[in-house]
PDB file of N, CA and C in Angstrom:
ATOM      1  N   UNK A   1       1.163  -1.203  -0.296  1.00  0.00           N
ATOM      2  CA  UNK A   1      -0.012  -0.059   0.039  1.00  0.00           C
ATOM      3  C   UNK A   1       0.763   1.094   0.253  1.00  0.00           C
ATOM      4  N   UNK A   2       0.386   2.146  -0.752  1.00  0.00           N
ATOM      5  CA  UNK A   2       1.128   3.614  -0.673  1.00  0.00           C
ATOM      6  C   UNK A   2       0.880   4.213   0.398  1.00  0.00           C
ATOM      7  N   UNK A   3       1.974   4.945   0.970  1.00  0.00           N
ATOM      8  CA  UNK A   3       1.897   5.892   2.435  1.00  0.00           C
ATOM      9  C   UNK A   3       1.423   7.171   1.997  1.00  0.00           C
ATOM     10  N   UNK A   4       0.911   7.824   2.924  1.00  0.00           N
ATOM     11  CA  UNK A   4       0.222   8.901   2.631  1.00  0.00           C
ATOM     12  C   UNK A   4       1.413  10.019   2.297  1.00  0.00           C
ATOM     13  N   UNK A   5       2.354  10.142   3.331  1.00  0.00           N
ATOM     14  CA  UNK A   5       3.486  10.902   3.109  1.00  0.00           C
ATOM     15  C   UNK A   5       4.775  10.271   3.445  1.00  0.00           C
ATOM     16  N   UNK A   6       5.556  11.406   3.131  1.00  0.00           N
ATOM     17  CA  UNK A   6       7.108  10.864   3.304  1.00  0.00           C
ATOM     18  C   UNK A   6       7.392  10.637   4.591  1.00  0.00           C
ATOM     19  N   UNK A   7       6.831  11.327   5.427  1.00  0.00           N
ATOM     20  CA  UNK A   7       7.235  11.263   6.534  1.00  0.00           C
ATOM     21  C   UNK A   7       6.853   9.906   7.474  1.00  0.00           C
ATOM     22  N   UNK A   8       5.274   9.551   7.036  1.00  0.00           N
ATOM     23  CA  UNK A   8       4.826   8.011   7.591  1.00  0.00           C
ATOM     24  C   UNK A   8       6.126   7.101   6.950  1.00  0.00           C
ATOM     25  N   UNK A   9       6.299   7.486   5.535  1.00  0.00           N
ATOM     26  CA  UNK A   9       7.332   6.014   5.041  1.00  0.00           C
ATOM     27  C   UNK A   9       8.690   6.022   5.916  1.00  0.00           C
ATOM     28  N   UNK A  10       9.003   7.353   6.153  1.00  0.00           N
ATOM     29  CA  UNK A  10      10.370   7.536   7.081  1.00  0.00           C
ATOM     30  C   UNK A  10      10.267   6.643   8.378  1.00  0.00           C
ATOM     31  N   UNK A  11       9.147   6.896   9.222  1.00  0.00           N
ATOM     32  CA  UNK A  11       8.952   6.551  10.372  1.00  0.00           C
ATOM     33  C   UNK A  11       8.833   4.803  10.247  1.00  0.00           C
ATOM     34  N   UNK A  12       7.862   4.311   9.216  1.00  0.00           N
ATOM     35  CA  UNK A  12       8.007   2.962   9.140  1.00  0.00           C
ATOM     36  C   UNK A  12       9.246   2.236   8.851  1.00  0.00           C
ATOM     37  N   UNK A  13       9.880   3.030   7.780  1.00  0.00           N
ATOM     38  CA  UNK A  13      11.286   2.484   7.318  1.00  0.00           C
ATOM     39  C   UNK A  13      12.458   2.321   8.911  1.00  0.00           C
ATOM     40  N   UNK A  14      12.584   3.138   9.450  1.00  0.00           N
ATOM     41  CA  UNK A  14      13.324   3.493  10.413  1.00  0.00           C
ATOM     42  C   UNK A  14      12.949   2.313  11.563  1.00  0.00           C
ATOM     43  N   UNK A  15      11.565   2.214  11.802  1.00  0.00           N
ATOM     44  CA  UNK A  15      10.777   1.174  12.770  1.00  0.00           C
ATOM     45  C   UNK A  15      11.270  -0.408  12.312  1.00  0.00           C
ATOM     46  N   UNK A  16      11.323  -0.434  11.022  1.00  0.00           N
ATOM     47  CA  UNK A  16      11.796  -1.710  10.398  1.00  0.00           C
ATOM     48  C   UNK A  16      12.878  -2.043  10.458  1.00  0.00           C
ATOM     49  N   UNK A  17      13.659  -1.056  10.305  1.00  0.00           N
ATOM     50  CA  UNK A  17      15.186  -1.414  10.531  1.00  0.00           C
ATOM     51  C   UNK A  17      15.751  -1.586  11.717  1.00  0.00           C
ATOM     52  N   UNK A  18      15.099  -0.650  12.742  1.00  0.00           N
ATOM     53  CA  UNK A  18      15.534  -1.017  14.219  1.00  0.00           C
ATOM     54  C   UNK A  18      14.904  -2.423  14.597  1.00  0.00           C
ATOM     55  N   UNK A  19      13.788  -2.962  13.962  1.00  0.00           N
ATOM     56  CA  UNK A  19      13.425  -4.253  14.635  1.00  0.00           C
ATOM     57  C   UNK A  19      14.351  -5.329  13.992  1.00  0.00           C
ATOM     58  N   UNK A  20      14.670  -5.319  12.776  1.00  0.00           N
ATOM     59  CA  UNK A  20      15.587  -5.966  11.933  1.00  0.00           C
ATOM     60  C   UNK A  20      16.913  -5.790  12.724  1.00  0.00           C
ATOM     61  N   UNK A  21      17.591  -5.207  13.178  1.00  0.00           N
ATOM     62  CA  UNK A  21      18.600  -5.022  13.872  1.00  0.00           C
ATOM     63  C   UNK A  21      18.546  -5.737  15.244  1.00  0.00           C
ATOM     64  N   UNK A  22      17.281  -5.543  16.037  1.00  0.00           N
ATOM     65  CA  UNK A  22      17.007  -6.245  17.313  1.00  0.00           C
ATOM     66  C   UNK A  22      17.141  -7.792  16.983  1.00  0.00           C
ATOM     67  N   UNK A  23      16.204  -8.046  16.039  1.00  0.00           N
ATOM     68  CA  UNK A  23      15.985  -9.473  15.706  1.00  0.00           C
ATOM     69  C   UNK A  23      17.093 -10.252  15.489  1.00  0.00           C
ATOM     70  N   UNK A  24      18.190  -9.259  14.578  1.00  0.00           N
ATOM     71  CA  UNK A  24      19.472  -9.955  14.425  1.00  0.00           C
ATOM     72  C   UNK A  24      20.434 -10.073  15.600  1.00  0.00           C
ATOM     73  N   UNK A  25      20.283  -9.145  16.479  1.00  0.00           N
ATOM     74  CA  UNK A  25      20.907  -9.185  17.745  1.00  0.00           C
ATOM     75  C   UNK A  25      20.331 -10.846  18.451  1.00  0.00           C
ATOM     76  N   UNK A  26      19.322 -10.685  18.577  1.00  0.00           N
ATOM     77  CA  UNK A  26      18.684 -12.203  19.198  1.00  0.00           C
ATOM     78  C   UNK A  26      18.813 -13.212  18.602  1.00  0.00           C
ATOM     79  N   UNK A  27      19.147 -13.297  17.151  1.00  0.00           N
ATOM     80  CA  UNK A  27      19.519 -14.250  16.573  1.00  0.00           C
ATOM     81  C   UNK A  27      20.929 -14.594  16.868  1.00  0.00           C
ATOM     82  N   UNK A  28      21.757 -13.754  17.029  1.00  0.00           N
ATOM     83  CA  UNK A  28      23.173 -13.884  17.415  1.00  0.00           C
ATOM     84  C   UNK A  28      23.268 -14.381  18.671  1.00  0.00           C
ATOM     85  N   UNK A  29      22.535 -13.958  19.454  1.00  0.00           N
ATOM     86  CA  UNK A  29      22.587 -14.282  21.178  1.00  0.00           C
ATOM     87  C   UNK A  29      22.172 -15.893  21.118  1.00  0.00           C
ATOM     88  N   UNK A  30      21.114 -16.245  20.533  1.00  0.00           N
ATOM     89  CA  UNK A  30      20.379 -17.575  20.333  1.00  0.00           C
ATOM     90  C   UNK A  30      21.669 -18.334  20.030  1.00  0.00           C
ATOM     91  N   UNK A  31      22.542 -18.181  18.739  1.00  0.00           N
ATOM     92  CA  UNK A  31      23.321 -19.265  18.357  1.00  0.00           C
ATOM     93  C   UNK A  31      24.363 -19.126  19.326  1.00  0.00           C
ATOM     94  N   UNK A  32      24.747 -18.176  19.779  1.00  0.00           N
ATOM     95  CA  UNK A  32      26.169 -18.296  20.659  1.00  0.00           C
ATOM     96  C   UNK A  32      25.549 -19.353  21.844  1.00  0.00           C
ATOM     97  N   UNK A  33      24.342 -19.009  22.460  1.00  0.00           N
ATOM     98  CA  UNK A  33      24.155 -19.792  23.847  1.00  0.00           C
ATOM     99  C   UNK A  33      23.849 -21.199  23.244  1.00  0.00           C
ATOM    100  N   UNK A  34      22.937 -21.265  22.217  1.00  0.00           N
ATOM    101  CA  UNK A  34      23.465 -22.783  21.670  1.00  0.00           C
ATOM    102  C   UNK A  34      24.440 -23.452  21.571  1.00  0.00           C
ATOM    103  N   UNK A  35      25.526 -22.566  20.783  1.00  0.00           N
ATOM    104  CA  UNK A  35      26.752 -23.528  20.902  1.00  0.00           C
ATOM    105  C   UNK A  35      27.330 -23.588  22.023  1.00  0.00           C
ATOM    106  N   UNK A  36      27.374 -22.746  23.424  1.00  0.00           N
ATOM    107  CA  UNK A  36      27.968 -23.029  24.394  1.00  0.00           C
ATOM    108  C   UNK A  36      27.026 -23.968  25.094  1.00  0.00           C
ATOM    109  N   UNK A  37      25.809 -24.251  25.123  1.00  0.00           N
ATOM    110  CA  UNK A  37      24.949 -25.509  25.461  1.00  0.00           C
ATOM    111  C   UNK A  37      25.353 -26.697  25.199  1.00  0.00           C
ATOM    112  N   UNK A  38      25.667 -26.757  23.462  1.00  0.00           N
ATOM    113  CA  UNK A  38      26.080 -27.753  22.939  1.00  0.00           C
ATOM    114  C   UNK A  38      27.578 -28.085  23.354  1.00  0.00           C
ATOM    115  N   UNK A  39      28.143 -27.189  23.710  1.00  0.00           N
ATOM    116  CA  UNK A  39      29.730 -27.740  23.943  1.00  0.00           C
ATOM    117  C   UNK A  39      29.545 -28.428  25.275  1.00  0.00           C
ATOM    118  N   UNK A  40      28.738 -27.811  26.079  1.00  0.00           N
ATOM    119  CA  UNK A  40      28.751 -28.332  27.570  1.00  0.00           C
ATOM    120  C   UNK A  40      27.950 -29.564  27.359  1.00  0.00           C
ATOM    121  N   UNK A  41      27.193 -29.668  26.775  1.00  0.00           N
ATOM    122  CA  UNK A  41      26.339 -31.178  26.668  1.00  0.00           C
ATOM    123  C   UNK A  41      27.204 -32.209  25.855  1.00  0.00           C
ATOM    124  N   UNK A  42      28.271 -32.149  25.399  1.00  0.00           N
ATOM    125  CA  UNK A  42      29.050 -32.770  24.794  1.00  0.00           C
ATOM    126  C   UNK A  42      30.003 -33.501  25.887  1.00  0.00           C
ATOM    127  N   UNK A  43      30.024 -33.213  27.373  1.00  0.00           N
ATOM    128  CA  UNK A  43      30.892 -33.825  28.319  1.00  0.00           C
ATOM    129  C   UNK A  43      30.113 -35.092  28.311  1.00  0.00           C
ATOM    130  N   UNK A  44      31.223 -36.040  28.964  1.00  0.00           N
ATOM    131  CA  UNK A  44      30.595 -37.599  28.896  1.00  0.00           C
ATOM    132  C   UNK A  44      29.524 -37.570  30.078  1.00  0.00           C
ATOM    133  N   UNK A  45      29.392 -36.813  30.891  1.00  0.00           N
ATOM    134  CA  UNK A  45      28.183 -36.596  31.679  1.00  0.00           C
ATOM    135  C   UNK A  45      26.821 -36.609  31.165  1.00  0.00           C
ATOM    136  N   UNK A  46      26.980 -35.840  30.102  1.00  0.00           N
ATOM    137  CA  UNK A  46      25.331 -35.414  29.524  1.00  0.00           C
ATOM    138  C   UNK A  46      25.007 -36.320  28.338  1.00  0.00           C
ATOM    139  N   UNK A  47      23.953 -36.488  27.942  1.00  0.00           N
ATOM    140  CA  UNK A  47      23.376 -37.267  26.916  1.00  0.00           C
ATOM    141  C   UNK A  47      23.828 -36.578  25.713  1.00  0.00           C
ATOM    142  N   UNK A  48      24.127 -37.246  24.644  1.00  0.00           N
ATOM    143  CA  UNK A  48      24.144 -36.671  23.168  1.00  0.00           C
ATOM    144  C   UNK A  48      23.023 -36.241  22.723  1.00  0.00           C
ATOM    145  N   UNK A  49      21.778 -37.222  23.016  1.00  0.00           N
ATOM    146  CA  UNK A  49      20.597 -36.938  22.298  1.00  0.00           C
ATOM    147  C   UNK A  49      20.037 -35.423  22.335  1.00  0.00           C
ATOM    148  N   UNK A  50      20.372 -34.813  23.581  1.00  0.00           N
ATOM    149  CA  UNK A  50      20.284 -33.281  24.077  1.00  0.00           C
ATOM    150  C   UNK A  50      20.755 -32.339  22.832  1.00  0.00           C
ATOM    151  N   UNK A  51      21.990 -32.473  22.828  1.00  0.00           N
ATOM    152  CA  UNK A  51      22.627 -31.735  21.822  1.00  0.00           C
ATOM    153  C   UNK A  51      22.403 -32.032  20.527  1.00  0.00           C
ATOM    154  N   UNK A  52      22.014 -33.382  20.117  1.00  0.00           N
ATOM    155  CA  UNK A  52      21.626 -33.535  18.742  1.00  0.00           C
ATOM    156  C   UNK A  52      20.055 -32.519  18.514  1.00  0.00           C
ATOM    157  N   UNK A  53      19.274 -32.433  19.415  1.00  0.00           N
ATOM    158  CA  UNK A  53      18.310 -31.975  19.271  1.00  0.00           C
ATOM    159  C   UNK A  53      18.309 -30.281  18.975  1.00  0.00           C
ATOM    160  N   UNK A  54      19.382 -29.800  20.128  1.00  0.00           N
ATOM    161  CA  UNK A  54      19.273 -28.357  20.103  1.00  0.00           C
ATOM    162  C   UNK A  54      20.262 -27.901  18.839  1.00  0.00           C
ATOM    163  N   UNK A  55      21.088 -28.919  18.050  1.00  0.00           N
ATOM    164  CA  UNK A  55      21.553 -28.687  17.147  1.00  0.00           C
ATOM    165  C   UNK A  55      20.441 -28.463  15.804  1.00  0.00           C
ATOM    166  N   UNK A  56      19.870 -29.324  15.875  1.00  0.00           N
ATOM    167  CA  UNK A  56      18.761 -29.466  15.144  1.00  0.00           C
ATOM    168  C   UNK A  56      17.614 -28.281  15.144  1.00  0.00           C
ATOM    169  N   UNK A  57      17.385 -27.777  16.283  1.00  0.00           N
ATOM    170  CA  UNK A  57      16.171 -26.741  16.546  1.00  0.00           C
ATOM    171  C   UNK A  57      17.606 -25.222  16.240  1.00  0.00           C
ATOM    172  N   UNK A  58      18.623 -25.291  16.504  1.00  0.00           N
ATOM    173  CA  UNK A  58      19.820 -24.125  15.978  1.00  0.00           C
ATOM    174  C   UNK A  58      19.688 -24.160  14.252  1.00  0.00           C
ATOM    175  N   UNK A  59      19.492 -25.310  13.646  1.00  0.00           N
ATOM    176  CA  UNK A  59      19.775 -25.248  12.283  1.00  0.00           C
ATOM    177  C   UNK A  59      18.084 -24.895  11.836  1.00  0.00           C
ATOM    178  N   UNK A  60      16.977 -25.123  12.128  1.00  0.00           N
ATOM    179  CA  UNK A  60      15.579 -24.591  11.940  1.00  0.00           C
ATOM    180  C   UNK A  60      15.815 -23.162  12.278  1.00  0.00           C
ATOM    181  N   UNK A  61      16.070 -22.683  13.536  1.00  0.00           N
ATOM    182  CA  UNK A  61      16.349 -21.308  13.768  1.00  0.00           C
ATOM    183  C   UNK A  61      17.209 -20.756  12.483  1.00  0.00           C
ATOM    184  N   UNK A  62      18.086 -21.264  12.162  1.00  0.00           N
ATOM    185  CA  UNK A  62      19.053 -20.745  11.168  1.00  0.00           C
ATOM    186  C   UNK A  62      18.304 -20.343   9.687  1.00  0.00           C
ATOM    187  N   UNK A  63      17.687 -21.531   9.411  1.00  0.00           N
ATOM    188  CA  UNK A  63      16.700 -21.310   8.355  1.00  0.00           C
ATOM    189  C   UNK A  63      15.734 -20.584   8.346  1.00  0.00           C
ATOM    190  N   UNK A  64      14.897 -20.343   9.242  1.00  0.00           N
ATOM    191  CA  UNK A  64      14.046 -19.517   9.143  1.00  0.00           C
ATOM    192  C   UNK A  64      14.354 -17.712   9.540  1.00  0.00           C
ATOM    193  N   UNK A  65      15.652 -17.933  10.036  1.00  0.00           N
ATOM    194  CA  UNK A  65      16.087 -16.235  10.211  1.00  0.00           C
ATOM    195  C   UNK A  65      16.510 -16.028   8.643  1.00  0.00           C
ATOM    196  N   UNK A  66      17.147 -16.775   7.872  1.00  0.00           N
ATOM    197  CA  UNK A  66      17.581 -16.382   6.214  1.00  0.00           C
ATOM    198  C   UNK A  66      16.196 -16.142   5.864  1.00  0.00           C
ATOM    199  N   UNK A  67      15.005 -16.583   6.084  1.00  0.00           N
ATOM    200  CA  UNK A  67      13.753 -16.414   5.471  1.00  0.00           C
ATOM    201  C   UNK A  67      13.380 -15.361   5.788  1.00  0.00           C
ATOM    202  N   UNK A  68      13.526 -14.815   7.077  1.00  0.00           N
ATOM    203  CA  UNK A  68      12.642 -13.636   7.496  1.00  0.00           C
ATOM    204  C   UNK A  68      13.748 -12.376   7.421  1.00  0.00           C
ATOM    205  N   UNK A  69      15.020 -12.791   7.231  1.00  0.00           N
ATOM    206  CA  UNK A  69      15.990 -11.367   6.692  1.00  0.00           C
ATOM    207  C   UNK A  69      15.220 -11.139   5.423  1.00  0.00           C
ATOM    208  N   UNK A  70      15.156 -12.305   4.155  1.00  0.00           N
ATOM    209  CA  UNK A  70      15.003 -12.111   3.020  1.00  0.00           C
ATOM    210  C   UNK A  70      13.664 -11.175   2.845  1.00  0.00           C
ATOM    211  N   UNK A  71      12.625 -11.502   3.711  1.00  0.00           N
ATOM    212  CA  UNK A  71      11.357 -10.807   3.617  1.00  0.00           C
ATOM    213  C   UNK A  71      11.625  -9.399   4.229  1.00  0.00           C
ATOM    214  N   UNK A  72      12.095  -9.473   5.323  1.00  0.00           N
ATOM    215  CA  UNK A  72      12.429  -8.184   6.116  1.00  0.00           C
ATOM    216  C   UNK A  72      13.067  -7.170   5.004  1.00  0.00           C
ATOM    217  N   UNK A  73      14.086  -7.443   3.975  1.00  0.00           N
ATOM    218  CA  UNK A  73      14.832  -6.908   3.222  1.00  0.00           C
ATOM    219  C   UNK A  73      14.098  -6.422   2.086  1.00  0.00           C
ATOM    220  N   UNK A  74      13.288  -7.023   1.923  1.00  0.00           N
ATOM    221  CA  UNK A  74      12.081  -6.985   0.659  1.00  0.00           C
ATOM    222  C   UNK A  74      11.306  -5.778   1.234  1.00  0.00           C
ATOM    223  N   UNK A  75      10.885  -5.914   2.305  1.00  0.00           N
ATOM    224  CA  UNK A  75      10.008  -4.898   3.173  1.00  0.00           C
ATOM    225  C   UNK A  75      10.563  -3.524   3.115  1.00  0.00           C
ATOM    226  N   UNK A  76      11.775  -3.267   3.457  1.00  0.00           N
ATOM    227  CA  UNK A  76      12.497  -2.505   3.572  1.00  0.00           C
ATOM    228  C   UNK A  76      12.734  -1.775   2.017  1.00  0.00           C
ATOM    229  N   UNK A  77      12.919  -2.283   1.281  1.00  0.00           N
ATOM    230  CA  UNK A  77      13.384  -1.900  -0.154  1.00  0.00           C
ATOM    231  C   UNK A  77      11.819  -1.263  -0.613  1.00  0.00           C
ATOM    232  N   UNK A  78      10.663  -2.054  -0.218  1.00  0.00           N
ATOM    233  CA  UNK A  78       9.205  -1.450  -0.446  1.00  0.00           C
ATOM    234  C   UNK A  78       8.972  -0.214   0.319  1.00  0.00           C
ATOM    235  N   UNK A  79       9.381  -0.001   1.573  1.00  0.00           N
ATOM    236  CA  UNK A  79       9.294   1.108   2.485  1.00  0.00           C
ATOM    237  C   UNK A  79      10.134   2.348   1.712  1.00  0.00           C
ATOM    238  N   UNK A  80      11.247   1.993   1.091  1.00  0.00           N
ATOM    239  CA  UNK A  80      12.200   2.739   0.732  1.00  0.00           C
ATOM    240  C   UNK A  80      11.837   3.357  -0.646  1.00  0.00           C
ATOM    241  N   UNK A  81      11.183   2.464  -1.341  1.00  0.00           N
ATOM    242  CA  UNK A  81      10.499   3.133  -2.806  1.00  0.00           C
ATOM    243  C   UNK A  81       9.228   3.831  -2.400  1.00  0.00           C
ATOM    244  N   UNK A  82       8.505   3.682  -1.254  1.00  0.00           N
ATOM    245  CA  UNK A  82       7.370   4.495  -0.971  1.00  0.00           C
ATOM    246  C   UNK A  82       7.813   5.772  -0.402  1.00  0.00           C
ATOM    247  N   UNK A  83       9.134   5.873   0.029  1.00  0.00           N
ATOM    248  CA  UNK A  83       9.439   7.249   0.688  1.00  0.00           C
ATOM    249  C   UNK A  83      10.060   8.084  -0.478  1.00  0.00           C
ATOM    250  N   UNK A  84      10.990   7.432  -1.475  1.00  0.00           N
ATOM    251  CA  UNK A  84      11.243   8.200  -2.732  1.00  0.00           C
ATOM    252  C   UNK A  84       9.889   8.548  -3.321  1.00  0.00           C
ATOM    253  N   UNK A  85       8.664   7.622  -3.604  1.00  0.00           N
ATOM    254  CA  UNK A  85       7.658   8.029  -4.073  1.00  0.00           C
ATOM    255  C   UNK A  85       7.269   9.512  -3.623  1.00  0.00           C
ATOM    256  N   UNK A  86       6.701   9.360  -2.347  1.00  0.00           N
ATOM    257  CA  UNK A  86       5.959  10.298  -1.446  1.00  0.00           C
ATOM    258  C   UNK A  86       7.050  11.617  -1.569  1.00  0.00           C
ATOM    259  N   UNK A  87       8.470  11.634  -1.447  1.00  0.00           N
ATOM    260  CA  UNK A  87       9.486  12.657  -1.438  1.00  0.00           C
ATOM    261  C   UNK A  87       9.151  13.493  -2.721  1.00  0.00           C
ATOM    262  N   UNK A  88       9.157  12.495  -3.958  1.00  0.00           N
ATOM    263  CA  UNK A  88       9.015  12.910  -5.409  1.00  0.00           C
ATOM    264  C   UNK A  88       7.834  13.702  -5.401  1.00  0.00           C
ATOM    265  N   UNK A  89       6.744  13.059  -5.058  1.00  0.00           N
ATOM    266  CA  UNK A  89       5.279  13.686  -5.054  1.00  0.00           C
ATOM    267  C   UNK A  89       5.165  14.919  -4.447  1.00  0.00           C
ATOM    268  N   UNK A  90       5.938  15.085  -3.200  1.00  0.00           N
ATOM    269  CA  UNK A  90       5.837  16.350  -2.531  1.00  0.00           C
ATOM    270  C   UNK A  90       6.772  17.656  -3.140  1.00  0.00           C
ATOM    271  N   UNK A  91       7.740  17.175  -3.764  1.00  0.00           N
ATOM    272  CA  UNK A  91       8.394  18.128  -4.675  1.00  0.00           C
ATOM    273  C   UNK A  91       7.653  18.229  -5.658  1.00  0.00           C
ATOM    274  N   UNK A  92       7.138  17.957  -6.658  1.00  0.00           N
ATOM    275  CA  UNK A  92       6.190  18.078  -7.658  1.00  0.00           C
ATOM    276  C   UNK A  92       5.183  18.958  -7.191  1.00  0.00           C
ATOM    277  N   UNK A  93       4.480  18.930  -6.195  1.00  0.00           N
ATOM    278  CA  UNK A  93       3.494  19.716  -5.533  1.00  0.00           C
ATOM    279  C   UNK A  93       3.965  20.995  -5.160  1.00  0.00           C
ATOM    280  N   UNK A  94       5.163  21.011  -4.476  1.00  0.00           N
ATOM    281  CA  UNK A  94       5.589  22.161  -4.221  1.00  0.00           C
ATOM    282  C   UNK A  94       6.240  22.945  -5.308  1.00  0.00           C
ATOM    283  N   UNK A  95       6.612  22.257  -6.643  1.00  0.00           N
ATOM    284  CA  UNK A  95       6.975  22.967  -7.893  1.00  0.00           C
ATOM    285  C   UNK A  95       5.908  23.503  -8.441  1.00  0.00           C
ATOM    286  N   UNK A  96       4.851  22.424  -8.515  1.00  0.00           N
ATOM    287  CA  UNK A  96       3.517  23.018  -9.069  1.00  0.00           C
ATOM    288  C   UNK A  96       2.908  24.370  -8.433  1.00  0.00           C
ATOM    289  N   UNK A  97       2.918  24.498  -7.142  1.00  0.00           N
ATOM    290  CA  UNK A  97       2.587  25.593  -6.539  1.00  0.00           C
ATOM    291  C   UNK A  97       3.404  26.920  -6.764  1.00  0.00           C
ATOM    292  N   UNK A  98       4.797  26.773  -6.693  1.00  0.00           N
ATOM    293  CA  UNK A  98       5.769  27.521  -7.107  1.00  0.00           C
ATOM    294  C   UNK A  98       5.375  28.276  -8.542  1.00  0.00           C
ATOM    295  N   UNK A  99       5.266  27.183  -9.670  1.00  0.00           N
ATOM    296  CA  UNK A  99       4.763  27.673 -10.855  1.00  0.00           C
ATOM    297  C   UNK A  99       3.370  28.450 -10.899  1.00  0.00           C
ATOM    298  N   UNK A 100       2.499  28.017 -10.242  1.00  0.00           N
ATOM    299  CA  UNK A 100       0.988  29.089 -10.213  1.00  0.00           C
ATOM    300  C   UNK A 100       1.344  30.139  -9.541  1.00  0.00           C
ATOM    301  N   UNK A 101       2.465  30.389  -8.516  1.00  0.00           N
ATOM    302  CA  UNK A 101       2.537  31.725  -8.120  1.00  0.00           C
ATOM    303  C   UNK A 101       3.337  32.710  -9.223  1.00  0.00           C
ATOM    304  N   UNK A 102       4.353  31.988  -9.796  1.00  0.00           N
ATOM    305  CA  UNK A 102       5.041  32.547 -10.612  1.00  0.00           C
ATOM    306  C   UNK A 102       4.318  33.072 -11.851  1.00  0.00           C
ATOM    307  N   UNK A 103       3.284  32.220 -12.261  1.00  0.00           N
ATOM    308  CA  UNK A 103       2.280  32.441 -13.489  1.00  0.00           C
ATOM    309  C   UNK A 103       1.486  33.734 -12.835  1.00  0.00           C
ATOM    310  N   UNK A 104       0.932  33.907 -11.743  1.00  0.00           N
ATOM    311  CA  UNK A 104       0.220  34.546 -11.094  1.00  0.00           C
ATOM    312  C   UNK A 104       0.819  36.182 -11.329  1.00  0.00           C
ATOM    313  N   UNK A 105       2.261  36.099 -10.973  1.00  0.00           N
ATOM    314  CA  UNK A 105       3.112  37.167 -10.944  1.00  0.00           C
ATOM    315  C   UNK A 105       3.180  37.912 -12.412  1.00  0.00           C
ATOM    316  N   UNK A 106       3.607  36.833 -12.924  1.00  0.00           N
ATOM    317  CA  UNK A 106       3.629  37.058 -14.494  1.00  0.00           C
ATOM    318  C   UNK A 106       2.292  37.561 -15.129  1.00  0.00           C
ATOM    319  N   UNK A 107       1.244  37.429 -14.601  1.00  0.00           N
ATOM    320  CA  UNK A 107      -0.025  37.689 -15.491  1.00  0.00           C
ATOM    321  C   UNK A 107      -0.280  39.021 -14.657  1.00  0.00           C
ATOM    322  N   UNK A 108       0.055  39.410 -13.644  1.00  0.00           N
ATOM    323  CA  UNK A 108      -0.263  40.814 -12.714  1.00  0.00           C
ATOM    324  C   UNK A 108       0.680  41.819 -13.629  1.00  0.00           C
ATOM    325  N   UNK A 109       1.937  41.103 -13.958  1.00  0.00           N
ATOM    326  CA  UNK A 109       2.952  42.179 -14.530  1.00  0.00           C
ATOM    327  C   UNK A 109       2.576  42.759 -15.740  1.00  0.00           C
ATOM    328  N   UNK A 110       2.065  41.604 -16.374  1.00  0.00           N
ATOM    329  CA  UNK A 110       1.700  41.767 -18.073  1.00  0.00           C
ATOM    330  C   UNK A 110       0.212  42.541 -18.068  1.00  0.00           C
ATOM    331  N   UNK A 111      -0.642  42.647 -16.774  1.00  0.00           N
ATOM    332  CA  UNK A 111      -1.837  43.330 -16.994  1.00  0.00           C
ATOM    333  C   UNK A 111      -1.438  44.782 -16.585  1.00  0.00           C
ATOM    334  N   UNK A 112      -0.115  44.960 -15.936  1.00  0.00           N
ATOM    335  CA  UNK A 112       0.056  46.411 -15.270  1.00  0.00           C
ATOM    336  C   UNK A 112       0.620  47.249 -16.666  1.00  0.00           C
ATOM    337  N   UNK A 113       1.092  46.240 -17.417  1.00  0.00           N
ATOM    338  CA  UNK A 113       1.950  47.130 -18.399  1.00  0.00           C
ATOM    339  C   UNK A 113       0.973  47.185 -19.908  1.00  0.00           C
ATOM    340  N   UNK A 114      -0.271  46.696 -19.593  1.00  0.00           N
ATOM    341  CA  UNK A 114      -0.972  46.857 -20.551  1.00  0.00           C
ATOM    342  C   UNK A 114      -2.117  48.056 -20.531  1.00  0.00           C
TER     343      UNK A 114
END
């Protein structure tokens, strides 16, 4: 959906980028903790089934993370395009208003000289 103005697009883009950075941070933390747990679980006193199950869950998390990141990047590109569209539309509106003002001034000058 097209956003109403450049400010809305900018706010949504910033929020999307912040959310993506936060999720990336949580993803890295989950992977680090998972690796630490697997390393601890591979001691002789721990069951290997737990480590394999956790590794499987980390692999699933990695796959989901790749998919989510691709969707988030596409959403970011869409928002950036909306931001560009809104900014261009606003500039065109400003130019249109400026042109109307110049046209009025020109017509007034023309009227004064006749």
